[in-house]
C-alpha atoms as a PDB file:
ATOM      1  CA  MET A   1     123.536 107.284  84.396  1.00  0.00           C
ATOM      2  CA  ARG A   2     126.061 105.269  86.369  1.00  0.00           C
ATOM      3  CA  GLY A   3     128.723 107.931  85.808  1.00  0.00           C
ATOM      4  CA  ARG A   4     126.417 110.724  86.916  1.00  0.00           C
ATOM      5  CA  LEU A   5     125.326 108.879  90.049  1.00  0.00           C
ATOM      6  CA  ALA A   6     128.842 107.771  90.852  1.00  0.00           C
ATOM      7  CA  ARG A   7     130.139 111.334  90.657  1.00  0.00           C
ATOM      8  CA  ALA A   8     127.188 112.486  92.716  1.00  0.00           C
ATOM      9  CA  ALA A   9     127.838 109.797  95.323  1.00  0.00           C
ATOM     10  CA  VAL A  10     131.502 110.826  95.669  1.00  0.00           C
ATOM     11  CA  PHE A  11     130.547 114.462  96.051  1.00  0.00           C
ATOM     12  CA  CYS A  12     127.767 113.533  98.471  1.00  0.00           C
ATOM     13  CA  ALA A  13     130.150 111.534 100.617  1.00  0.00           C
ATOM     14  CA  ALA A  14     132.351 114.588 100.988  1.00  0.00           C
ATOM     15  CA  ALA A  15     129.333 116.711 101.784  1.00  0.00           C
ATOM     16  CA  VAL A  16     128.180 114.276 104.455  1.00  0.00           C
ATOM     17  CA  ALA A  17     131.624 114.280 106.043  1.00  0.00           C
ATOM     18  CA  LEU A  18     131.450 118.052 106.316  1.00  0.00           C
ATOM     19  CA  ALA A  19     127.881 118.113 107.614  1.00  0.00           C
ATOM     20  CA  ALA A  20     128.724 117.776 111.290  1.00  0.00           C
ATOM     21  CA  GLY A  21     131.250 120.583 111.076  1.00  0.00           C
ATOM     22  CA  VAL A  22     128.897 123.043 109.455  1.00  0.00           C
ATOM     23  CA  ALA A  23     125.812 122.153 111.506  1.00  0.00           C
ATOM     24  CA  THR A  24     126.425 124.875 114.064  1.00  0.00           C
ATOM     25  CA  ALA A  25     126.949 127.496 111.381  1.00  0.00           C
ATOM     26  CA  GLY A  26     123.797 126.330 109.603  1.00  0.00           C
ATOM     27  CA  ALA A  27     121.783 126.646 112.787  1.00  0.00           C
ATOM     28  CA  ALA A  28     123.091 130.158 113.295  1.00  0.00           C
ATOM     29  CA  ARG A  29     122.146 131.228 109.775  1.00  0.00           C
ATOM     30  CA  ALA A  30     118.624 129.845 110.173  1.00  0.00           C
ATOM     31  CA  ALA A  31     118.068 131.137 113.708  1.00  0.00           C
ATOM     32  CA  GLY A  32     114.618 130.196 114.953  1.00  0.00           C
ATOM     33  CA  PHE A  33     113.983 127.559 112.293  1.00  0.00           C
ATOM     34  CA  PRO A  34     112.050 125.403 112.736  1.00  0.00           C
ATOM     35  CA  ALA A  35     109.688 126.972 115.227  1.00  0.00           C
ATOM     36  CA  ARG A  36     106.842 124.545 114.489  1.00  0.00           C
ATOM     37  CA  PRO A  37     106.318 121.085 112.939  1.00  0.00           C
ATOM     38  CA  ILE A  38     107.475 120.414 109.383  1.00  0.00           C
ATOM     39  CA  THR A  39     105.257 118.570 106.903  1.00  0.00           C
ATOM     40  CA  PHE A  40     107.118 116.093 104.683  1.00  0.00           C
ATOM     41  CA  ILE A  41     104.848 115.157 101.766  1.00  0.00           C
ATOM     42  CA  VAL A  42     105.374 111.719 100.240  1.00  0.00           C
ATOM     43  CA  PRO A  43     103.525 111.651  96.890  1.00  0.00           C
ATOM     44  CA  TYR A  44     103.032 107.888  96.955  1.00  0.00           C
ATOM     45  CA  THR A  45     101.021 105.314  98.906  1.00  0.00           C
ATOM     46  CA  PRO A  46     102.095 104.157 102.388  1.00  0.00           C
ATOM     47  CA  GLY A  47     104.301 101.111 102.704  1.00  0.00           C
ATOM     48  CA  GLY A  48     106.480 101.597  99.636  1.00  0.00           C
ATOM     49  CA  THR A  49     110.119 102.588  99.249  1.00  0.00           C
ATOM     50  CA  THR A  50     109.522 106.304  99.666  1.00  0.00           C
ATOM     51  CA  ASP A  51     107.444 105.792 102.795  1.00  0.00           C
ATOM     52  CA  ILE A  52     110.107 103.609 104.435  1.00  0.00           C
ATOM     53  CA  VAL A  53     112.823 106.170 103.760  1.00  0.00           C
ATOM     54  CA  ALA A  54     110.725 109.193 104.707  1.00  0.00           C
ATOM     55  CA  ARG A  55     109.601 107.806 108.049  1.00  0.00           C
ATOM     56  CA  THR A  56     113.062 106.561 108.990  1.00  0.00           C
ATOM     57  CA  VAL A  57     114.763 109.867 108.223  1.00  0.00           C
ATOM     58  CA  SER A  58     111.943 112.066 109.580  1.00  0.00           C
ATOM     59  CA  GLN A  59     112.254 110.531 113.018  1.00  0.00           C
ATOM     60  CA  LYS A  60     115.914 111.556 113.148  1.00  0.00           C
ATOM     61  CA  LEU A  61     115.169 115.044 111.845  1.00  0.00           C
ATOM     62  CA  GLY A  62     112.579 115.454 114.564  1.00  0.00           C
ATOM     63  CA  GLU A  63     115.168 114.569 117.188  1.00  0.00           C
ATOM     64  CA  ARG A  64     117.690 117.019 115.711  1.00  0.00           C
ATOM     65  CA  PHE A  65     115.281 119.919 115.312  1.00  0.00           C
ATOM     66  CA  GLY A  66     113.260 119.345 118.461  1.00  0.00           C
ATOM     67  CA  GLN A  67     110.150 119.598 116.275  1.00  0.00           C
ATOM     68  CA  THR A  68     107.884 116.933 114.813  1.00  0.00           C
ATOM     69  CA  VAL A  69     108.392 116.105 111.139  1.00  0.00           C
ATOM     70  CA  ILE A  70     105.008 114.883 109.919  1.00  0.00           C
ATOM     71  CA  VAL A  71     105.037 112.413 107.017  1.00  0.00           C
ATOM     72  CA  GLU A  72     101.930 112.939 104.902  1.00  0.00           C
ATOM     73  CA  ASN A  73     101.105 110.575 102.029  1.00  0.00           C
ATOM     74  CA  ARG A  74      99.391 112.231  99.059  1.00  0.00           C
ATOM     75  CA  PRO A  75      99.453 109.663  96.247  1.00  0.00           C
ATOM     76  CA  GLY A  76      98.114 109.972  92.728  1.00  0.00           C
ATOM     77  CA  ALA A  77      99.028 110.862  89.143  1.00  0.00           C
ATOM     78  CA  GLY A  78     102.514 109.367  89.354  1.00  0.00           C
ATOM     79  CA  GLY A  79     103.412 111.597  92.290  1.00  0.00           C
ATOM     80  CA  ASN A  80     102.152 114.807  90.669  1.00  0.00           C
ATOM     81  CA  ILE A  81      99.380 115.409  93.221  1.00  0.00           C
ATOM     82  CA  GLY A  82     101.707 115.408  96.199  1.00  0.00           C
ATOM     83  CA  MET A  83     104.441 117.418  94.536  1.00  0.00           C
ATOM     84  CA  GLU A  84     101.897 119.965  93.312  1.00  0.00           C
ATOM     85  CA  ALA A  85     101.039 120.569  96.971  1.00  0.00           C
ATOM     86  CA  VAL A  86     104.725 121.158  97.671  1.00  0.00           C
ATOM     87  CA  ALA A  87     105.085 123.517  94.718  1.00  0.00           C
ATOM     88  CA  LYS A  88     102.109 125.606  95.889  1.00  0.00           C
ATOM     89  CA  ALA A  89     103.105 125.729  99.563  1.00  0.00           C
ATOM     90  CA  ALA A  90     104.589 128.790 101.244  1.00  0.00           C
ATOM     91  CA  PRO A  91     108.371 128.804 100.579  1.00  0.00           C
ATOM     92  CA  ASP A  92     109.263 128.900 104.268  1.00  0.00           C
ATOM     93  CA  GLY A  93     110.655 125.385 104.756  1.00  0.00           C
ATOM     94  CA  TYR A  94     107.663 124.057 106.674  1.00  0.00           C
ATOM     95  CA  THR A  95     106.376 122.037 103.706  1.00  0.00           C
ATOM     96  CA  ILE A  96     108.847 119.849 101.838  1.00  0.00           C
ATOM     97  CA  GLY A  97     108.408 116.921  99.480  1.00  0.00           C
ATOM     98  CA  PHE A  98     109.870 113.530  98.631  1.00  0.00           C
ATOM     99  CA  GLY A  99     110.652 113.999  94.955  1.00  0.00           C
ATOM    100  CA  ALA A 100     112.002 111.404  92.562  1.00  0.00           C
ATOM    101  CA  ILE A 101     113.339 110.733  89.090  1.00  0.00           C
ATOM    102  CA  SER A 102     109.695 110.513  88.001  1.00  0.00           C
ATOM    103  CA  THR A 103     108.155 113.622  89.585  1.00  0.00           C
ATOM    104  CA  ASN A 104     111.107 115.907  88.931  1.00  0.00           C
ATOM    105  CA  ALA A 105     112.395 114.710  85.559  1.00  0.00           C
ATOM    106  CA  LEU A 106     110.277 112.080  83.810  1.00  0.00           C
ATOM    107  CA  ASN A 107     106.610 112.990  84.292  1.00  0.00           C
ATOM    108  CA  PRO A 108     106.511 115.978  81.894  1.00  0.00           C
ATOM    109  CA  PHE A 109     107.099 113.477  79.086  1.00  0.00           C
ATOM    110  CA  VAL A 110     104.505 111.008  80.386  1.00  0.00           C
ATOM    111  CA  TYR A 111     101.475 113.141  81.196  1.00  0.00           C
ATOM    112  CA  PRO A 112      99.738 115.334  78.583  1.00  0.00           C
ATOM    113  CA  SER A 113      99.536 118.180  81.094  1.00  0.00           C
ATOM    114  CA  MET A 114     101.430 118.945  84.289  1.00  0.00           C
ATOM    115  CA  PRO A 115     100.273 120.969  87.311  1.00  0.00           C
ATOM    116  CA  PHE A 116     103.806 122.357  87.702  1.00  0.00           C
ATOM    117  CA  ASP A 117     107.056 122.833  85.811  1.00  0.00           C
ATOM    118  CA  PRO A 118     109.673 120.737  87.646  1.00  0.00           C
ATOM    119  CA  THR A 119     112.467 122.923  86.312  1.00  0.00           C
ATOM    120  CA  LYS A 120     110.999 126.050  87.954  1.00  0.00           C
ATOM    121  CA  ALA A 121     108.638 125.024  90.762  1.00  0.00           C
ATOM    122  CA  PHE A 122     111.080 123.693  93.347  1.00  0.00           C
ATOM    123  CA  THR A 123     114.094 124.370  95.524  1.00  0.00           C
ATOM    124  CA  GLY A 124     116.405 121.389  95.747  1.00  0.00           C
ATOM    125  CA  ILE A 125     117.378 120.525  99.333  1.00  0.00           C
ATOM    126  CA  SER A 126     119.248 117.199  99.472  1.00  0.00           C
ATOM    127  CA  MET A 127     119.536 113.904  97.695  1.00  0.00           C
ATOM    128  CA  LEU A 128     118.086 110.972  99.627  1.00  0.00           C
ATOM    129  CA  GLY A 129     119.713 108.186  97.658  1.00  0.00           C
ATOM    130  CA  THR A 130     119.015 105.582  95.025  1.00  0.00           C
ATOM    131  CA  SER A 131     116.979 102.425  94.821  1.00  0.00           C
ATOM    132  CA  ALA A 132     116.792  99.581  92.348  1.00  0.00           C
ATOM    133  CA  VAL A 133     114.029  98.391  90.058  1.00  0.00           C
ATOM    134  CA  VAL A 134     113.613  94.630  90.211  1.00  0.00           C
ATOM    135  CA  ILE A 135     111.893  92.444  87.614  1.00  0.00           C
ATOM    136  CA  ASP A 136     109.690  89.959  89.473  1.00  0.00           C
ATOM    137  CA  VAL A 137     107.608  87.053  88.209  1.00  0.00           C
ATOM    138  CA  GLY A 138     104.864  85.278  90.090  1.00  0.00           C
ATOM    139  CA  PRO A 139     104.942  81.610  91.122  1.00  0.00           C
ATOM    140  CA  GLN A 140     102.703  80.686  88.190  1.00  0.00           C
ATOM    141  CA  VAL A 141     105.248  81.816  85.572  1.00  0.00           C
ATOM    142  CA  PRO A 142     107.520  78.915  84.522  1.00  0.00           C
ATOM    143  CA  VAL A 143     110.718  80.891  83.880  1.00  0.00           C
ATOM    144  CA  LYS A 144     114.009  81.101  85.738  1.00  0.00           C
ATOM    145  CA  ASP A 145     115.805  83.960  83.984  1.00  0.00           C
ATOM    146  CA  VAL A 146     115.334  86.951  81.681  1.00  0.00           C
ATOM    147  CA  ALA A 147     115.954  84.917  78.533  1.00  0.00           C
ATOM    148  CA  GLY A 148     113.199  82.549  79.599  1.00  0.00           C
ATOM    149  CA  LEU A 149     110.881  85.467  80.337  1.00  0.00           C
ATOM    150  CA  VAL A 150     111.409  86.987  76.894  1.00  0.00           C
ATOM    151  CA  ASP A 151     110.723  83.648  75.240  1.00  0.00           C
ATOM    152  CA  TYR A 152     107.617  83.140  77.401  1.00  0.00           C
ATOM    153  CA  ALA A 153     106.334  86.622  76.567  1.00  0.00           C
ATOM    154  CA  ARG A 154     106.763  86.097  72.842  1.00  0.00           C
ATOM    155  CA  LYS A 155     104.695  82.913  73.109  1.00  0.00           C
ATOM    156  CA  HIS A 156     101.988  84.808  75.041  1.00  0.00           C
ATOM    157  CA  PRO A 157     101.429  88.055  73.095  1.00  0.00           C
ATOM    158  CA  GLY A 158     100.203  91.006  75.100  1.00  0.00           C
ATOM    159  CA  LEU A 159     101.476  89.698  78.435  1.00  0.00           C
ATOM    160  CA  GLY A 160     100.940  92.366  81.078  1.00  0.00           C
ATOM    161  CA  PHE A 161     103.636  93.847  83.281  1.00  0.00           C
ATOM    162  CA  GLY A 162     102.549  95.612  86.439  1.00  0.00           C
ATOM    163  CA  THR A 163     104.144  98.701  87.956  1.00  0.00           C
ATOM    164  CA  PRO A 164     103.351 100.885  90.983  1.00  0.00           C
ATOM    165  CA  GLY A 165     102.017 103.523  88.610  1.00  0.00           C
ATOM    166  CA  THR A 166     102.192 105.394  85.341  1.00  0.00           C
ATOM    167  CA  GLY A 167     105.143 107.748  85.102  1.00  0.00           C
ATOM    168  CA  THR A 168     107.220 105.947  87.720  1.00  0.00           C
ATOM    169  CA  SER A 169     110.764 104.771  87.161  1.00  0.00           C
ATOM    170  CA  MET A 170     109.312 101.252  87.094  1.00  0.00           C
ATOM    171  CA  HIS A 171     107.080 102.250  84.172  1.00  0.00           C
ATOM    172  CA  LEU A 172     110.127 103.646  82.393  1.00  0.00           C
ATOM    173  CA  ALA A 173     112.081 100.456  83.110  1.00  0.00           C
ATOM    174  CA  GLY A 174     109.291  98.312  81.690  1.00  0.00           C
ATOM    175  CA  VAL A 175     109.027 100.385  78.514  1.00  0.00           C
ATOM    176  CA  LEU A 176     112.787 100.299  77.917  1.00  0.00           C
ATOM    177  CA  PHE A 177     112.928  96.562  78.654  1.00  0.00           C
ATOM    178  CA  ASP A 178     110.129  95.881  76.193  1.00  0.00           C
ATOM    179  CA  GLN A 179     111.824  97.993  73.549  1.00  0.00           C
ATOM    180  CA  ALA A 180     115.188  96.293  74.109  1.00  0.00           C
ATOM    181  CA  THR A 181     113.834  92.741  74.070  1.00  0.00           C
ATOM    182  CA  GLY A 182     110.878  92.982  71.690  1.00  0.00           C
ATOM    183  CA  ALA A 183     108.841  91.020  74.241  1.00  0.00           C
ATOM    184  CA  GLY A 184     105.567  92.737  73.301  1.00  0.00           C
ATOM    185  CA  LEU A 185     104.495  93.517  76.875  1.00  0.00           C
ATOM    186  CA  GLN A 186     101.507  95.643  77.905  1.00  0.00           C
ATOM    187  CA  HIS A 187     101.668  98.068  80.832  1.00  0.00           C
ATOM    188  CA  VAL A 188      99.301  97.501  83.783  1.00  0.00           C
ATOM    189  CA  PRO A 189      99.624 100.469  86.179  1.00  0.00           C
ATOM    190  CA  TYR A 190      98.647 100.192  89.851  1.00  0.00           C
ATOM    191  CA  LYS A 191      98.290 102.739  92.626  1.00  0.00           C
ATOM    192  CA  GLY A 192     101.374 101.687  94.543  1.00  0.00           C
ATOM    193  CA  SER A 193     103.405  98.537  95.097  1.00  0.00           C
ATOM    194  CA  SER A 194     101.158  96.792  97.634  1.00  0.00           C
ATOM    195  CA  GLN A 195      98.247  96.184  95.278  1.00  0.00           C
ATOM    196  CA  ALA A 196     100.561  95.204  92.429  1.00  0.00           C
ATOM    197  CA  ILE A 197     102.390  92.661  94.598  1.00  0.00           C
ATOM    198  CA  ASN A 198      99.086  91.187  95.773  1.00  0.00           C
ATOM    199  CA  ASP A 199      97.979  90.726  92.177  1.00  0.00           C
ATOM    200  CA  LEU A 200     101.320  89.162  91.267  1.00  0.00           C
ATOM    201  CA  LEU A 201     100.993  86.710  94.156  1.00  0.00           C
ATOM    202  CA  GLY A 202      97.394  86.007  93.164  1.00  0.00           C
ATOM    203  CA  GLY A 203      98.256  85.268  89.553  1.00  0.00           C
ATOM    204  CA  HIS A 204      96.360  88.263  88.143  1.00  0.00           C
ATOM    205  CA  ILE A 205      99.542  89.577  86.523  1.00  0.00           C
ATOM    206  CA  ASP A 206     102.643  87.605  85.552  1.00  0.00           C
ATOM    207  CA  ILE A 207     105.388  90.232  85.676  1.00  0.00           C
ATOM    208  CA  LEU A 208     106.082  93.154  87.993  1.00  0.00           C
ATOM    209  CA  PHE A 209     108.625  95.948  87.667  1.00  0.00           C
ATOM    210  CA  ASP A 210     108.887  97.173  91.241  1.00  0.00           C
ATOM    211  CA  ASN A 211     111.065  99.186  93.598  1.00  0.00           C
ATOM    212  CA  LEU A 212     113.259  96.633  95.331  1.00  0.00           C
ATOM    213  CA  PRO A 213     112.463  97.589  98.959  1.00  0.00           C
ATOM    214  CA  ALA A 214     108.760  96.860  98.436  1.00  0.00           C
ATOM    215  CA  SER A 215     109.348  93.461  96.787  1.00  0.00           C
ATOM    216  CA  LEU A 216     112.317  92.369  98.886  1.00  0.00           C
ATOM    217  CA  PRO A 217     110.422  90.685 101.766  1.00  0.00           C
ATOM    218  CA  HIS A 218     108.438  88.578  99.276  1.00  0.00           C
ATOM    219  CA  ILE A 219     111.584  87.678  97.346  1.00  0.00           C
ATOM    220  CA  LYS A 220     113.356  86.668 100.545  1.00  0.00           C
ATOM    221  CA  ALA A 221     110.335  84.554 101.528  1.00  0.00           C
ATOM    222  CA  GLY A 222     110.441  82.754  98.179  1.00  0.00           C
ATOM    223  CA  LYS A 223     106.934  83.877  97.216  1.00  0.00           C
ATOM    224  CA  ILE A 224     108.054  85.690  94.069  1.00  0.00           C
ATOM    225  CA  HIS A 225     111.152  85.276  91.921  1.00  0.00           C
ATOM    226  CA  ALA A 226     113.533  88.126  91.045  1.00  0.00           C
ATOM    227  CA  LEU A 227     114.980  87.745  87.543  1.00  0.00           C
ATOM    228  CA  ALA A 228     117.080  90.909  87.273  1.00  0.00           C
ATOM    229  CA  VAL A 229     117.606  94.446  88.517  1.00  0.00           C
ATOM    230  CA  THR A 230     117.599  97.324  86.057  1.00  0.00           C
ATOM    231  CA  GLY A 231     120.332  99.414  87.685  1.00  0.00           C
ATOM    232  CA  SER A 232     123.954  99.821  86.728  1.00  0.00           C
ATOM    233  CA  GLU A 233     125.152  97.512  89.501  1.00  0.00           C
ATOM    234  CA  ARG A 234     123.897  94.478  91.395  1.00  0.00           C
ATOM    235  CA  SER A 235     122.091  95.097  94.664  1.00  0.00           C
ATOM    236  CA  SER A 236     124.023  94.267  97.825  1.00  0.00           C
ATOM    237  CA  VAL A 237     120.908  92.583  99.256  1.00  0.00           C
ATOM    238  CA  LEU A 238     120.383  90.457  96.116  1.00  0.00           C
ATOM    239  CA  PRO A 239     123.962  89.755  95.044  1.00  0.00           C
ATOM    240  CA  ASP A 240     123.023  86.707  92.959  1.00  0.00           C
ATOM    241  CA  VAL A 241     120.490  88.588  90.828  1.00  0.00           C
ATOM    242  CA  PRO A 242     122.066  89.944  87.606  1.00  0.00           C
ATOM    243  CA  THR A 243     121.663  93.392  86.092  1.00  0.00           C
ATOM    244  CA  LEU A 244     120.110  93.920  82.685  1.00  0.00           C
ATOM    245  CA  LYS A 245     123.360  95.553  81.626  1.00  0.00           C
ATOM    246  CA  GLU A 246     125.391  92.408  82.208  1.00  0.00           C
ATOM    247  CA  LEU A 247     122.722  90.406  80.393  1.00  0.00           C
ATOM    248  CA  GLY A 248     123.285  92.533  77.306  1.00  0.00           C
ATOM    249  CA  TYR A 249     120.480  95.099  77.678  1.00  0.00           C
ATOM    250  CA  ALA A 250     122.451  98.246  78.471  1.00  0.00           C
ATOM    251  CA  GLY A 251     119.772 100.367  76.808  1.00  0.00           C
ATOM    252  CA  ALA A 252     117.251  99.300  79.449  1.00  0.00           C
ATOM    253  CA  VAL A 253     119.269 100.466  82.472  1.00  0.00           C
ATOM    254  CA  VAL A 254     117.296 102.600  84.948  1.00  0.00           C
ATOM    255  CA  ASP A 255     118.734 103.903  88.239  1.00  0.00           C
ATOM    256  CA  PRO A 256     115.914 105.463  90.312  1.00  0.00           C
ATOM    257  CA  TRP A 257     116.968 108.397  92.473  1.00  0.00           C
ATOM    258  CA  PHE A 258     115.138 110.345  95.163  1.00  0.00           C
ATOM    259  CA  ALA A 259     115.585 113.805  96.644  1.00  0.00           C
ATOM    260  CA  VAL A 260     114.022 116.354  98.972  1.00  0.00           C
ATOM    261  CA  TYR A 261     112.500 119.492  97.468  1.00  0.00           C
ATOM    262  CA  GLY A 262     110.805 122.576  98.805  1.00  0.00           C
ATOM    263  CA  PRO A 263     108.816 125.223  96.925  1.00  0.00           C
ATOM    264  CA  ALA A 264     110.721 127.620  94.690  1.00  0.00           C
ATOM    265  CA  GLY A 265     111.971 130.745  96.421  1.00  0.00           C
ATOM    266  CA  MET A 266     112.956 129.288  99.780  1.00  0.00           C
ATOM    267  CA  PRO A 267     115.439 131.384 101.801  1.00  0.00           C
ATOM    268  CA  ASP A 268     119.010 130.161 101.472  1.00  0.00           C
ATOM    269  CA  ASP A 269     119.550 129.832 105.222  1.00  0.00           C
ATOM    270  CA  VAL A 270     116.460 127.641 105.660  1.00  0.00           C
ATOM    271  CA  THR A 271     117.400 125.540 102.627  1.00  0.00           C
ATOM    272  CA  GLN A 272     120.902 125.022 104.005  1.00  0.00           C
ATOM    273  CA  ALA A 273     119.618 124.143 107.481  1.00  0.00           C
ATOM    274  CA  LEU A 274     117.318 121.486 106.024  1.00  0.00           C
ATOM    275  CA  SER A 275     120.031 120.176 103.704  1.00  0.00           C
ATOM    276  CA  GLU A 276     122.523 119.840 106.519  1.00  0.00           C
ATOM    277  CA  ALA A 277     119.951 118.055 108.677  1.00  0.00           C
ATOM    278  CA  PHE A 278     119.152 115.530 105.941  1.00  0.00           C
ATOM    279  CA  ARG A 279     122.843 114.914 105.268  1.00  0.00           C
ATOM    280  CA  TRP A 280     123.413 114.330 108.970  1.00  0.00           C
ATOM    281  CA  ALA A 281     120.472 111.922 109.295  1.00  0.00           C
ATOM    282  CA  LEU A 282     121.381 109.928 106.195  1.00  0.00           C
ATOM    283  CA  ALA A 283     124.957 109.500 107.449  1.00  0.00           C
ATOM    284  CA  LEU A 284     123.914 107.980 110.781  1.00  0.00           C
ATOM    285  CA  PRO A 285     125.068 104.327 110.942  1.00  0.00           C
ATOM    286  CA  ASP A 286     121.707 102.975 112.123  1.00  0.00           C
ATOM    287  CA  VAL A 287     119.829 104.822 109.368  1.00  0.00           C
ATOM    288  CA  LYS A 288     122.262 103.698 106.684  1.00  0.00           C
ATOM    289  CA  GLU A 289     122.083 100.079 107.799  1.00  0.00           C
ATOM    290  CA  LYS A 290     118.293  99.994 108.068  1.00  0.00           C
ATOM    291  CA  LEU A 291     117.799 101.486 104.625  1.00  0.00           C
ATOM    292  CA  ARG A 292     120.549  99.387 103.052  1.00  0.00           C
ATOM    293  CA  LEU A 293     118.960  96.194 104.335  1.00  0.00           C
ATOM    294  CA  ALA A 294     115.681  97.383 102.820  1.00  0.00           C
ATOM    295  CA  GLY A 295     117.371  97.643  99.415  1.00  0.00           C
ATOM    296  CA  PHE A 296     117.948 101.415  99.422  1.00  0.00           C
ATOM    297  CA  ASN A 297     121.286 103.207  98.971  1.00  0.00           C
ATOM    298  CA  PRO A 298     121.079 106.349 101.148  1.00  0.00           C
ATOM    299  CA  TYR A 299     123.192 109.483 100.742  1.00  0.00           C
ATOM    300  CA  GLY A 300     122.689 113.202 101.178  1.00  0.00           C
ATOM    301  CA  SER A 301     123.947 116.105  99.106  1.00  0.00           C
ATOM    302  CA  THR A 302     124.052 119.851  98.674  1.00  0.00           C
ATOM    303  CA  PRO A 303     121.063 121.725  97.219  1.00  0.00           C
ATOM    304  CA  ARG A 304     123.089 122.499  94.101  1.00  0.00           C
ATOM    305  CA  GLU A 305     123.618 118.815  93.397  1.00  0.00           C
ATOM    306  CA  VAL A 306     119.895 118.179  93.533  1.00  0.00           C
ATOM    307  CA  ASP A 307     119.199 120.977  91.080  1.00  0.00           C
ATOM    308  CA  THR A 308     121.983 119.881  88.727  1.00  0.00           C
ATOM    309  CA  LEU A 309     120.895 116.235  88.617  1.00  0.00           C
ATOM    310  CA  SER A 310     117.220 117.161  88.240  1.00  0.00           C
ATOM    311  CA  ARG A 311     117.972 119.381  85.250  1.00  0.00           C
ATOM    312  CA  SER A 312     120.304 116.884  83.535  1.00  0.00           C
ATOM    313  CA  GLU A 313     117.795 114.054  83.951  1.00  0.00           C
ATOM    314  CA  TYR A 314     114.979 116.257  82.632  1.00  0.00           C
ATOM    315  CA  GLU A 315     117.026 116.943  79.511  1.00  0.00           C
ATOM    316  CA  ARG A 316     117.862 113.236  79.148  1.00  0.00           C
ATOM    317  CA  PHE A 317     114.207 112.220  79.191  1.00  0.00           C
ATOM    318  CA  LYS A 318     113.324 115.039  76.849  1.00  0.00           C
ATOM    319  CA  ALA A 319     115.719 113.548  74.301  1.00  0.00           C
ATOM    320  CA  LEU A 320     114.530 110.008  75.040  1.00  0.00           C
ATOM    321  CA  SER A 321     110.867 110.937  74.562  1.00  0.00           C
ATOM    322  CA  ALA A 322     111.635 111.836  70.960  1.00  0.00           C
ATOM    323  CA  LYS A 323     112.663 108.212  70.360  1.00  0.00           C
ATOM    324  CA  VAL A 324     110.474 106.171  72.711  1.00  0.00           C
ATOM    325  CA  SER A 325     106.835 106.710  73.653  1.00  0.00           C
ATOM    326  CA  LEU A 326     106.664 107.397  77.391  1.00  0.00           C
ATOM    327  CA  LYS A 327     103.113 108.744  77.356  1.00  0.00           C
ATOM    328  CA  ALA A 328     100.511 107.513  79.805  1.00  0.00           C
ATOM    329  CA  GLU A 329      98.129 105.004  78.272  1.00  0.00           C
END
C-alpha cells in the first residue's frame, strides 16, 4: 500500500503543480459550469475527518467557482447511503461525493448486498488525501503500548474494540490487528467517531480504532492514550507514536485514502474542471497546513488516478476477503 500511495503522491504533486497553468483551459472547456450551487455529499456524520476536509475545501471551491458548494452529511451503512445518492444523481457535476477506501473498495466485501457497484457507478474526480488510523485506549485501561494491550486483551477474552462504523477502514484495521496479534477482540461499531470517543472516555469500551483527526484533540489533551498508528509511516502530528509495521505487524497496515467522485457518465470537461479546482484548493498553503495539523495528508490528483487506485484497492480487498472475514456482524 505504501508503494501505491507513494507513487500516487508523487504523481499528484506534479498534477498540483500543473493545476494553476491549466485552470484557464479547464474553465474554457467547461464554459458555464457551474451555473448553480454544487452539492458535496459526505456519507458520514458531522465532525469527523471527512467533514473537516470537506468543509475546508468546499469553502475554497466556492470562492473559485463563485458558487456555493453545499456540504450535505448523509451517514449510514458504512457510507453506502450517501454514496448511493451520488451514484443515482444526474451526471452533470452538481452532485459529487466524498468517497473513501471503504465506500469505493472495501464495502462490497463487508455488506451482503450493495446498492451500487463501485467499479461502475462513479466517475473519479480527484484524490483528497490520506489519513491515519490510530489505536486509542481509554484512561481506565492500564497499558502503555501495543504489547501491553495484547497481553491485557488475552487476559480479558472478548474485549471490545470500537470503530466509527462497520465497513470503515477502522473496522478493517481492527480485524487485521486482531488476526495479526491473536488478541481475541470483538468489534463494536458506532455511527461515527463522536459517539465512540464519548464511550471510550466514559469507560464503556476499552479500545478504539479511529481516524486520527477525530481523536487528535483528545490525545493532545491527555484524555485518551494513542498506542500506535496503522499506516505505513508515523504521523507528523504524533511523531512519538509508533506504527504497527515497525512493531512487527506489517500484515495489519492500513492506509485510509479519500477521493471525490461523481456519478458515472459525467462529461469530461466538467470532470476536468472539478478535478482542477480540487487540486488547486488542496495545494493552497493555508488549506494544507490546516488539514495537516488535523492529522490529514492532503493532495489532489487526476481523475484517472482516482479510478486506477479505486480499482486496484477493490481487487486487493477481493483477494483479502478470501482469507479474512470482513463481513458485517
